[in-house]
Protein backbone atom coordinates (compact mmCIF):
# COMPACT_ATOMS: atom_id res chain seq x y z
CA MET A 1 10.99 5.60 25.46
CA GLU A 2 7.56 4.92 26.97
CA TYR A 3 5.77 3.50 23.92
CA GLY A 4 7.08 2.61 20.50
CA LEU A 5 8.00 0.10 17.84
CA ILE A 6 11.17 -1.93 17.42
CA GLY A 7 12.31 -3.57 14.21
CA GLU A 8 15.22 -3.79 11.84
CA LYS A 9 14.07 -1.21 9.26
CA LEU A 10 11.19 1.14 10.04
CA GLY A 11 11.22 3.69 7.22
CA HIS A 12 7.96 2.19 5.96
CA SER A 13 6.09 2.42 9.26
CA PHE A 14 2.88 4.40 9.89
CA SER A 15 2.72 3.32 13.54
CA ALA A 16 3.97 6.63 14.96
CA GLU A 17 0.97 8.29 13.29
CA ILE A 18 -1.59 5.67 14.32
CA HIS A 19 -0.90 5.11 18.02
CA PRO A 20 -1.22 8.74 19.18
CA LYS A 21 -4.65 8.79 17.51
CA ILE A 22 -5.66 5.92 19.80
CA THR A 23 -4.09 6.84 23.14
CA GLY A 24 -2.94 10.45 22.80
CA LYS A 25 0.50 9.32 23.94
CA ALA A 26 3.84 9.81 22.16
CA TYR A 27 5.06 6.81 20.19
CA GLU A 28 8.61 6.31 18.91
CA LEU A 29 10.22 4.19 16.21
CA LYS A 30 13.45 2.47 17.19
CA GLU A 31 15.52 0.52 14.68
CA LEU A 32 17.61 -2.21 16.27
CA SER A 33 20.26 -4.55 14.94
CA LYS A 34 19.82 -8.22 15.72
CA ASP A 35 22.72 -8.09 18.20
CA SER A 36 21.09 -5.29 20.21
CA VAL A 37 17.58 -6.73 20.64
CA GLU A 38 18.32 -8.81 23.73
CA ALA A 39 19.99 -5.93 25.58
CA PHE A 40 17.15 -3.54 24.73
CA ILE A 41 14.47 -5.95 25.97
CA LYS A 42 16.35 -6.85 29.15
CA GLN A 43 16.93 -3.18 29.96
CA LYS A 44 13.14 -2.81 30.21
CA ASP A 45 13.30 0.93 29.56
CA PHE A 46 9.77 1.15 28.17
CA LYS A 47 6.13 0.78 29.22
CA GLY A 48 4.86 -0.86 26.05
CA ILE A 49 6.34 -1.68 22.66
CA ASN A 50 5.33 -3.30 19.42
CA VAL A 51 7.66 -5.64 17.57
CA THR A 52 7.92 -6.02 13.80
CA ILE A 53 10.08 -7.74 11.17
CA PRO A 54 12.26 -9.66 11.88
CA TYR A 55 12.08 -9.84 15.68
CA LYS A 56 8.63 -11.26 16.51
CA GLN A 57 10.18 -14.59 17.43
CA THR A 58 13.58 -13.22 18.52
CA VAL A 59 12.10 -11.42 21.56
CA MET A 60 10.21 -14.40 22.98
CA PRO A 61 12.99 -15.97 25.10
CA PHE A 62 13.51 -12.67 26.94
CA LEU A 63 9.91 -12.31 28.18
CA ASP A 64 8.56 -13.35 31.57
CA ASN A 65 5.05 -14.26 30.43
CA ILE A 66 3.57 -15.01 27.00
CA ASP A 67 -0.20 -15.35 26.60
CA GLU A 68 -1.67 -18.55 25.16
CA ASN A 69 -2.62 -16.90 21.86
CA ALA A 70 0.95 -15.74 21.23
CA LYS A 71 2.34 -19.11 22.33
CA GLU A 72 0.09 -20.97 19.91
CA ILE A 73 1.00 -18.63 17.05
CA GLY A 74 4.70 -18.71 17.99
CA ALA A 75 5.28 -14.98 17.66
CA VAL A 76 4.97 -11.83 19.79
CA ASN A 77 4.30 -8.36 18.42
CA THR A 78 3.28 -6.58 21.63
CA ILE A 79 5.22 -6.38 24.90
CA VAL A 80 3.95 -4.72 28.07
CA ASN A 81 6.21 -3.87 31.02
CA LYS A 82 4.27 -4.17 34.30
CA ASN A 83 6.53 -3.25 37.19
CA GLY A 84 9.51 -4.89 35.54
CA VAL A 85 7.65 -8.01 34.44
CA LEU A 86 7.43 -8.38 30.64
CA TYR A 87 4.22 -9.75 29.12
CA GLY A 88 4.09 -10.85 25.47
CA HIS A 89 0.99 -10.78 23.27
CA ASN A 90 0.12 -11.21 19.61
CA THR A 91 -2.36 -8.73 18.16
CA ASP A 92 -1.56 -9.62 14.53
CA PHE A 93 -4.16 -12.38 14.77
CA GLY A 94 -6.96 -9.95 15.62
CA GLY A 95 -5.78 -7.40 13.07
CA LEU A 96 -5.56 -9.92 10.22
CA LEU A 97 -8.87 -11.52 11.16
CA ALA A 98 -10.56 -8.12 10.98
CA LEU A 99 -8.88 -7.41 7.63
CA ILE A 100 -10.03 -10.66 6.01
CA LYS A 101 -13.55 -10.22 7.35
CA LYS A 102 -13.81 -7.02 5.36
CA ARG A 103 -14.21 -9.30 2.32
CA LYS A 104 -14.95 -12.83 3.61
CA ASN A 105 -16.38 -14.01 6.92
CA ASP A 106 -16.02 -17.70 6.24
CA LEU A 107 -13.22 -19.58 4.50
CA THR A 108 -14.66 -23.02 5.19
CA ASP A 109 -13.27 -25.69 2.86
CA LYS A 110 -11.00 -23.21 1.06
CA LYS A 111 -7.44 -24.02 0.02
CA ALA A 112 -4.97 -21.33 1.10
CA LEU A 113 -1.32 -20.51 0.50
CA ILE A 114 0.66 -18.37 2.93
CA LEU A 115 3.77 -16.83 1.42
CA GLY A 116 6.59 -16.64 3.96
CA ASP A 117 7.32 -18.39 7.23
CA GLY A 118 8.01 -15.57 9.73
CA GLY A 119 5.90 -14.13 12.54
CA ALA A 120 3.18 -12.72 10.28
CA SER A 121 2.93 -16.10 8.56
CA LYS A 122 2.24 -17.80 11.86
CA ALA A 123 -0.56 -15.36 12.64
CA ALA A 124 -2.00 -15.92 9.15
CA PHE A 125 -1.98 -19.69 9.71
CA ALA A 126 -3.89 -19.26 12.97
CA VAL A 127 -6.46 -16.97 11.33
CA LEU A 128 -7.04 -19.33 8.40
CA LYS A 129 -7.44 -22.23 10.80
CA HIS A 130 -9.92 -20.15 12.83
CA LEU A 131 -11.90 -19.45 9.64
CA ASN A 132 -12.09 -23.17 8.83
CA ALA A 133 -9.86 -23.27 5.76
CA LYS A 134 -9.62 -26.86 4.52
CA GLU A 135 -5.96 -26.87 3.47
CA ILE A 136 -3.28 -24.38 4.54
CA LEU A 137 0.17 -24.51 2.98
CA ILE A 138 3.20 -22.45 3.99
CA VAL A 139 5.32 -21.41 0.99
CA SER A 140 8.95 -20.78 1.87
CA LEU A 141 12.34 -20.09 0.33
CA PHE A 142 13.52 -22.90 2.62
CA PRO A 143 11.05 -25.77 2.08
CA GLY A 144 10.87 -28.83 4.28
CA ASN A 145 9.39 -29.54 7.72
CA GLY A 146 5.90 -29.08 6.36
CA LYS A 147 6.71 -26.08 4.13
CA ILE A 148 6.58 -26.16 0.35
CA SER A 149 8.68 -24.33 -2.23
CA TYR A 150 7.48 -21.53 -4.46
CA ASN A 151 7.95 -23.80 -7.47
CA ASP A 152 5.73 -26.45 -5.87
CA ALA A 153 3.11 -23.79 -5.17
CA LEU A 154 3.07 -22.80 -8.84
CA THR A 155 3.14 -26.30 -10.31
CA GLN A 156 1.19 -28.40 -7.80
CA HIS A 157 -1.08 -26.03 -5.91
CA PHE A 158 -2.33 -23.61 -8.56
CA ASP A 159 -5.89 -24.50 -7.48
CA ALA A 160 -5.48 -22.41 -4.30
CA GLU A 161 -8.40 -20.09 -3.60
CA ILE A 162 -6.78 -17.84 -1.00
CA ILE A 163 -3.28 -16.32 -1.07
CA ILE A 164 -1.84 -14.34 1.82
CA ASN A 165 1.52 -12.62 1.39
CA ALA A 166 3.26 -12.59 4.77
CA THR A 167 6.66 -11.57 3.37
CA PRO A 168 8.07 -8.02 3.11
CA VAL A 169 8.30 -8.29 -0.71
CA GLY A 170 6.87 -5.11 -2.22
CA MET A 171 7.26 -3.02 0.94
CA PHE A 172 8.52 0.58 0.83
CA PRO A 173 11.06 1.60 -0.35
CA ASN A 174 11.47 -1.52 -2.53
CA VAL A 175 7.93 -1.39 -3.87
CA ASN A 176 8.48 -3.34 -7.07
CA GLY A 177 7.82 -7.05 -7.34
CA MET A 178 5.66 -9.86 -5.98
CA ALA A 179 6.60 -12.91 -3.95
CA ILE A 180 4.75 -15.08 -6.50
CA ASP A 181 3.13 -14.70 -9.91
CA ILE A 182 -0.58 -15.06 -9.17
CA SER A 183 -1.63 -15.20 -12.83
CA ARG A 184 -1.20 -19.00 -12.65
CA PHE A 185 -3.91 -19.31 -9.99
CA LYS A 186 -7.26 -19.45 -11.77
CA ASN A 187 -9.45 -20.28 -8.74
CA LEU A 188 -8.48 -17.28 -6.62
CA GLU A 189 -11.23 -15.78 -4.49
CA LEU A 190 -9.16 -13.51 -2.24
CA VAL A 191 -5.64 -12.06 -2.14
CA VAL A 192 -4.34 -10.49 1.07
CA ASP A 193 -1.01 -8.70 1.39
CA VAL A 194 0.11 -7.82 4.93
CA VAL A 195 2.30 -5.09 3.43
CA TYR A 196 0.59 -1.72 4.01
CA ASN A 197 3.10 0.70 2.49
CA PRO A 198 2.42 1.25 -0.40
CA LEU A 199 -1.36 1.29 -0.07
CA ARG A 200 -1.67 -0.96 -3.13
CA THR A 201 1.15 -3.41 -3.82
CA ASP A 202 2.10 -5.05 -7.09
CA LEU A 203 0.43 -8.19 -5.73
CA THR A 204 -2.92 -6.55 -5.04
CA LEU A 205 -2.79 -4.57 -8.29
CA ALA A 206 -2.27 -7.87 -10.14
CA ALA A 207 -5.27 -9.33 -8.30
CA GLU A 208 -7.40 -6.33 -9.26
CA LYS A 209 -6.54 -6.93 -12.93
CA MET A 210 -7.83 -10.48 -12.47
CA ASP A 211 -11.03 -9.15 -10.83
CA VAL A 212 -10.06 -10.90 -7.61
CA PRO A 213 -10.87 -9.11 -4.33
CA ALA A 214 -7.59 -7.84 -2.88
CA LEU A 215 -6.59 -6.22 0.40
CA THR A 216 -3.36 -4.70 1.65
CA GLY A 217 -2.40 -4.57 5.29
CA LEU A 218 -3.29 -1.07 6.48
CA TYR A 219 -6.54 -2.14 8.15
CA MET A 220 -4.65 -4.98 9.80
CA LEU A 221 -2.02 -2.52 11.01
CA VAL A 222 -4.61 -0.23 12.55
CA GLY A 223 -6.57 -3.14 14.01
CA GLN A 224 -3.55 -4.69 15.69
CA ALA A 225 -2.45 -1.25 16.92
CA VAL A 226 -5.82 -0.71 18.61
CA LEU A 227 -5.56 -4.11 20.28
CA ALA A 228 -1.96 -3.38 21.33
CA ALA A 229 -3.00 -0.01 22.78
CA GLY A 230 -5.57 -1.90 24.82
CA HIS A 231 -2.77 -3.97 26.34
CA PHE A 232 -0.63 -0.86 26.91
CA THR A 233 -3.35 1.10 28.71
CA GLU A 234 -5.49 -1.75 30.11
CA ASN A 235 -8.45 -0.24 28.28
CA GLU A 236 -10.73 -1.86 25.74
CA PHE A 237 -11.21 0.07 22.52
CA GLY A 238 -14.14 -0.67 20.22
CA THR A 239 -14.00 -1.48 16.52
CA GLU A 240 -15.37 2.00 15.82
CA ILE A 241 -12.00 3.55 16.58
CA THR A 242 -10.29 1.09 14.21
CA ASP A 243 -12.60 2.11 11.37
CA LYS A 244 -12.26 5.81 12.18
CA ILE A 245 -8.45 5.81 12.29
CA PHE A 246 -8.16 3.60 9.22
CA ASN A 247 -10.37 5.93 7.21
CA GLU A 248 -8.37 8.95 8.39
CA ILE A 249 -4.99 7.39 7.58
CA VAL A 250 -5.91 5.98 4.19
CA THR A 251 -7.50 9.27 3.13
CA GLU A 252 -4.47 11.24 4.31
CA LYS A 253 -2.02 8.90 2.58
CA ARG A 254 -3.73 8.46 -0.78
CA ASN A 255 -2.62 10.56 -3.70
CA ILE A 256 -5.06 11.92 -6.25
CA VAL A 257 -3.57 11.33 -9.70
CA LEU A 258 -4.86 13.14 -12.78
CA THR A 259 -4.36 11.72 -16.27
CA GLY A 260 -5.68 12.95 -19.58
CA MET A 261 -4.90 14.58 -22.88
CA PRO A 262 -2.72 17.68 -23.17
CA GLY A 263 -5.02 20.60 -22.59
CA SER A 264 -7.58 18.61 -20.60
CA GLY A 265 -7.08 20.80 -17.52
CA LYS A 266 -4.95 18.57 -15.32
CA THR A 267 -2.82 21.42 -13.95
CA THR A 268 -5.70 23.85 -13.45
CA ILE A 269 -7.98 21.28 -11.84
CA GLY A 270 -5.08 19.89 -9.80
CA LYS A 271 -4.40 23.30 -8.27
CA VAL A 272 -8.09 23.73 -7.41
CA LEU A 273 -8.06 20.31 -5.72
CA ALA A 274 -4.91 21.18 -3.80
CA GLU A 275 -6.48 24.38 -2.49
CA LYS A 276 -9.76 22.72 -1.54
CA LEU A 277 -8.08 19.77 0.21
CA GLY A 278 -5.06 21.59 1.67
CA ARG A 279 -2.64 19.34 -0.18
CA GLU A 280 0.57 19.84 -2.10
CA PHE A 281 0.20 19.94 -5.88
CA VAL A 282 2.90 18.53 -8.15
CA ASP A 283 3.07 18.54 -11.94
CA THR A 284 5.27 15.78 -13.36
CA ASP A 285 6.13 17.92 -16.39
CA GLU A 286 7.50 20.61 -14.06
CA LEU A 287 9.50 17.97 -12.19
CA ILE A 288 10.90 16.70 -15.48
CA VAL A 289 12.03 20.21 -16.42
CA LYS A 290 13.66 20.60 -13.01
CA LYS A 291 15.40 17.22 -13.20
CA ALA A 292 16.65 17.73 -16.77
CA GLY A 293 17.55 21.40 -16.33
CA LYS A 294 15.89 22.25 -19.64
CA GLN A 295 12.45 22.81 -21.10
CA ILE A 296 10.42 19.92 -22.52
CA THR A 297 10.80 21.21 -26.08
CA GLU A 298 14.59 21.15 -25.57
CA ILE A 299 14.50 17.60 -24.23
CA PHE A 300 12.58 16.45 -27.29
CA ALA A 301 14.95 18.33 -29.59
CA ASN A 302 18.11 16.96 -27.96
CA GLU A 303 17.09 13.50 -26.75
CA GLY A 304 13.91 12.71 -28.65
CA GLU A 305 10.71 11.29 -27.21
CA GLY A 306 12.60 8.27 -25.83
CA GLY A 307 14.84 10.50 -23.71
CA PHE A 308 11.84 12.42 -22.43
CA ARG A 309 9.92 9.25 -21.51
CA ARG A 310 12.93 7.88 -19.63
CA ILE A 311 13.11 11.00 -17.43
CA GLU A 312 9.33 10.99 -17.04
CA SER A 313 9.34 7.41 -15.75
CA GLU A 314 12.11 8.21 -13.25
CA VAL A 315 10.17 11.22 -11.96
CA ILE A 316 6.93 9.24 -11.66
CA ALA A 317 8.61 6.36 -9.83
CA ASP A 318 10.04 8.80 -7.28
CA ILE A 319 6.97 10.95 -6.70
CA SER A 320 4.68 7.92 -6.44
CA LEU A 321 6.46 6.85 -3.24
CA GLN A 322 5.14 9.95 -1.50
CA ASN A 323 1.73 10.35 0.12
CA GLY A 324 -1.07 12.87 0.27
CA LEU A 325 -0.31 14.64 -3.01
CA ILE A 326 -2.30 15.92 -5.96
CA ILE A 327 -0.33 14.72 -9.01
CA ALA A 328 -0.91 16.00 -12.53
CA THR A 329 0.74 13.80 -15.14
CA GLY A 330 1.83 14.48 -18.69
CA GLY A 331 -0.52 13.44 -21.46
CA GLY A 332 1.65 10.48 -22.50
CA ALA A 333 2.46 9.15 -19.04
CA VAL A 334 -0.13 6.41 -19.47
CA LEU A 335 1.80 4.93 -22.40
CA ASN A 336 4.17 3.19 -19.97
CA ASN A 337 2.50 0.46 -17.89
CA ASP A 338 5.12 0.88 -15.16
CA ASN A 339 4.11 4.53 -14.77
CA ILE A 340 0.51 3.54 -14.08
CA ARG A 341 1.60 0.78 -11.72
CA HIS A 342 3.75 3.20 -9.74
CA LEU A 343 1.05 5.88 -9.65
CA LYS A 344 -1.50 3.36 -8.37
CA HIS A 345 0.73 2.17 -5.52
CA ASN A 346 -0.36 5.14 -3.42
CA GLY A 347 -2.81 6.89 -5.72
CA ILE A 348 -6.30 6.83 -7.12
CA VAL A 349 -6.11 7.60 -10.85
CA PHE A 350 -8.73 9.95 -12.31
CA PHE A 351 -8.96 10.34 -16.09
CA LEU A 352 -10.06 13.86 -17.02
CA ASP A 353 -12.28 13.19 -20.02
CA ARG A 354 -12.51 16.45 -21.93
CA GLU A 355 -14.29 16.71 -25.27
CA LEU A 356 -11.91 16.51 -28.22
CA ASN A 357 -13.14 19.79 -29.71
CA GLU A 358 -12.23 21.57 -26.44
CA LEU A 359 -8.57 20.48 -26.50
CA ILE A 360 -6.44 23.44 -27.59
CA PRO A 361 -2.92 22.96 -29.07
CA THR A 362 -0.01 24.94 -27.60
CA ASP A 363 3.62 25.32 -28.65
CA ASP A 364 5.04 23.94 -25.39
CA ARG A 365 3.64 20.46 -26.10
CA PRO A 366 5.80 18.90 -28.85
CA LEU A 367 3.34 16.09 -29.54
CA ALA A 368 0.20 18.24 -29.34
CA ASN A 369 1.14 21.56 -30.92
CA SER A 370 -1.47 21.46 -33.69
CA LYS A 371 -5.10 20.41 -34.01
CA GLU A 372 -4.08 17.54 -36.27
CA SER A 373 -1.55 16.22 -33.75
CA ILE A 374 -4.10 16.48 -30.93
CA ILE A 375 -6.62 14.44 -32.90
CA LYS A 376 -3.95 11.84 -33.66
CA ARG A 377 -2.83 11.62 -30.02
CA TYR A 378 -6.45 11.39 -28.84
CA ASN A 379 -7.23 8.47 -31.14
CA GLU A 380 -4.00 6.72 -30.12
CA ARG A 381 -4.55 7.14 -26.39
CA ILE A 382 -8.26 7.24 -25.56
CA ASP A 383 -8.52 3.47 -25.03
CA ILE A 384 -5.42 3.57 -22.82
CA TYR A 385 -6.83 6.39 -20.69
CA ASN A 386 -10.05 4.45 -20.24
CA SER A 387 -8.33 1.16 -19.39
CA THR A 388 -5.82 2.56 -16.89
CA ASN A 389 -7.95 4.84 -14.72
CA ASP A 390 -9.70 4.04 -11.47
CA TYR A 391 -12.38 6.63 -12.25
CA SER A 392 -13.27 8.69 -15.32
CA VAL A 393 -14.58 12.23 -14.80
CA LYS A 394 -16.07 14.50 -17.45
CA VAL A 395 -14.42 17.93 -17.47
CA ILE A 396 -17.14 20.54 -16.87
CA GLY A 397 -15.04 23.45 -15.62
CA PRO A 398 -12.33 23.45 -12.91
CA GLU A 399 -14.58 23.96 -9.87
CA LYS A 400 -17.28 21.45 -10.79
CA THR A 401 -14.77 18.86 -11.95
CA ALA A 402 -12.72 19.23 -8.77
CA ASN A 403 -15.86 18.89 -6.64
CA GLU A 404 -16.84 15.73 -8.49
CA ILE A 405 -13.38 14.23 -7.93
CA ILE A 406 -13.53 15.07 -4.22
CA LYS A 407 -16.98 13.50 -3.95
CA ILE A 408 -15.75 10.28 -5.55
CA PHE A 409 -12.48 10.27 -3.59
CA LYS A 410 -14.19 10.65 -0.21
CA GLY A 411 -16.82 8.07 -1.05
CA ILE A 412 -14.52 5.25 -2.13
CA ASP A 413 -15.46 2.00 -0.45
CA ILE A 414 -12.25 0.89 1.20
């Protein structure tokens, strides 16, 4: 290949979409086992490659030249082949610096924890040092030699103000979980997760609940890719292209998720959105019927509400891994916190707030097949709808409501 990315597992990567936007050149993903890395590098059958987990340090002994920045960090994520001579660089530093500066320009006198001790951790340490952090601690599964344990972080350093996750915990396809429980840290001012797929991780969602500014790694990914492309092509690209590509990618990847009462118009408005935005529309109730091989009324009759909710949660967990969709959820999907967490990984949740007197009962909704049941469900759920959405939108007809959602969606400050 001419240009591409090497790593152990690359199913999560967006790099093959980002790099052609920068250079116009083809870019390949190549998964390598640890035993094959040396042979691949020494073969030199490439012009420029990026390196990701877990090989940012593995490749270093096989390079002819490593720039001072990469040497100081102790990791290489960009290799350029110039007439058979291999040059190593680290663009993670620049990418992460740009990411953090989206929220904070100065970390002077701040106490920071870096979760993980791999290549990304080393770049994070260099960035925090550059931004004048007062105390920087590396948290590792293998403490010692200047690294602390996760238990020590929780019990002795809960006054940390900055946390950077430099581990792959929470990365697609294993999107559940956090490297550390941040609820113990009451002084947090910023949480950064270098994971970029999903767009919001469990870690950053937890930070949002604490009203702590939180960033995932997509801007870092694009920023380091732009810097790497500069090494590949010997051109200098401005920050404008980083912002442009980031905005394109995040808009393309984000799902629009619709929640609301039965009869609020989720399916109708979802189809209008899909047509206006050229996206695929999916209805979780339809997916449930397909998965179960029976209608929703039959599921309730045979398996009860518990059986239905179990299938619903499985469907939502699966569909939430995908990108660029319009997703209409069932009226009770919000009752399960895990459903909302999954939907928010890659989606922006819009609550369709339709007036109670406009909600019409139908026979195909077992829990909302009469006016009395609708009123009961509404009173049970309205606070949940309001507390779980990213944005609430009044339903004022399919076209106007869809246009309002699009306006909000395109104007989100990222």
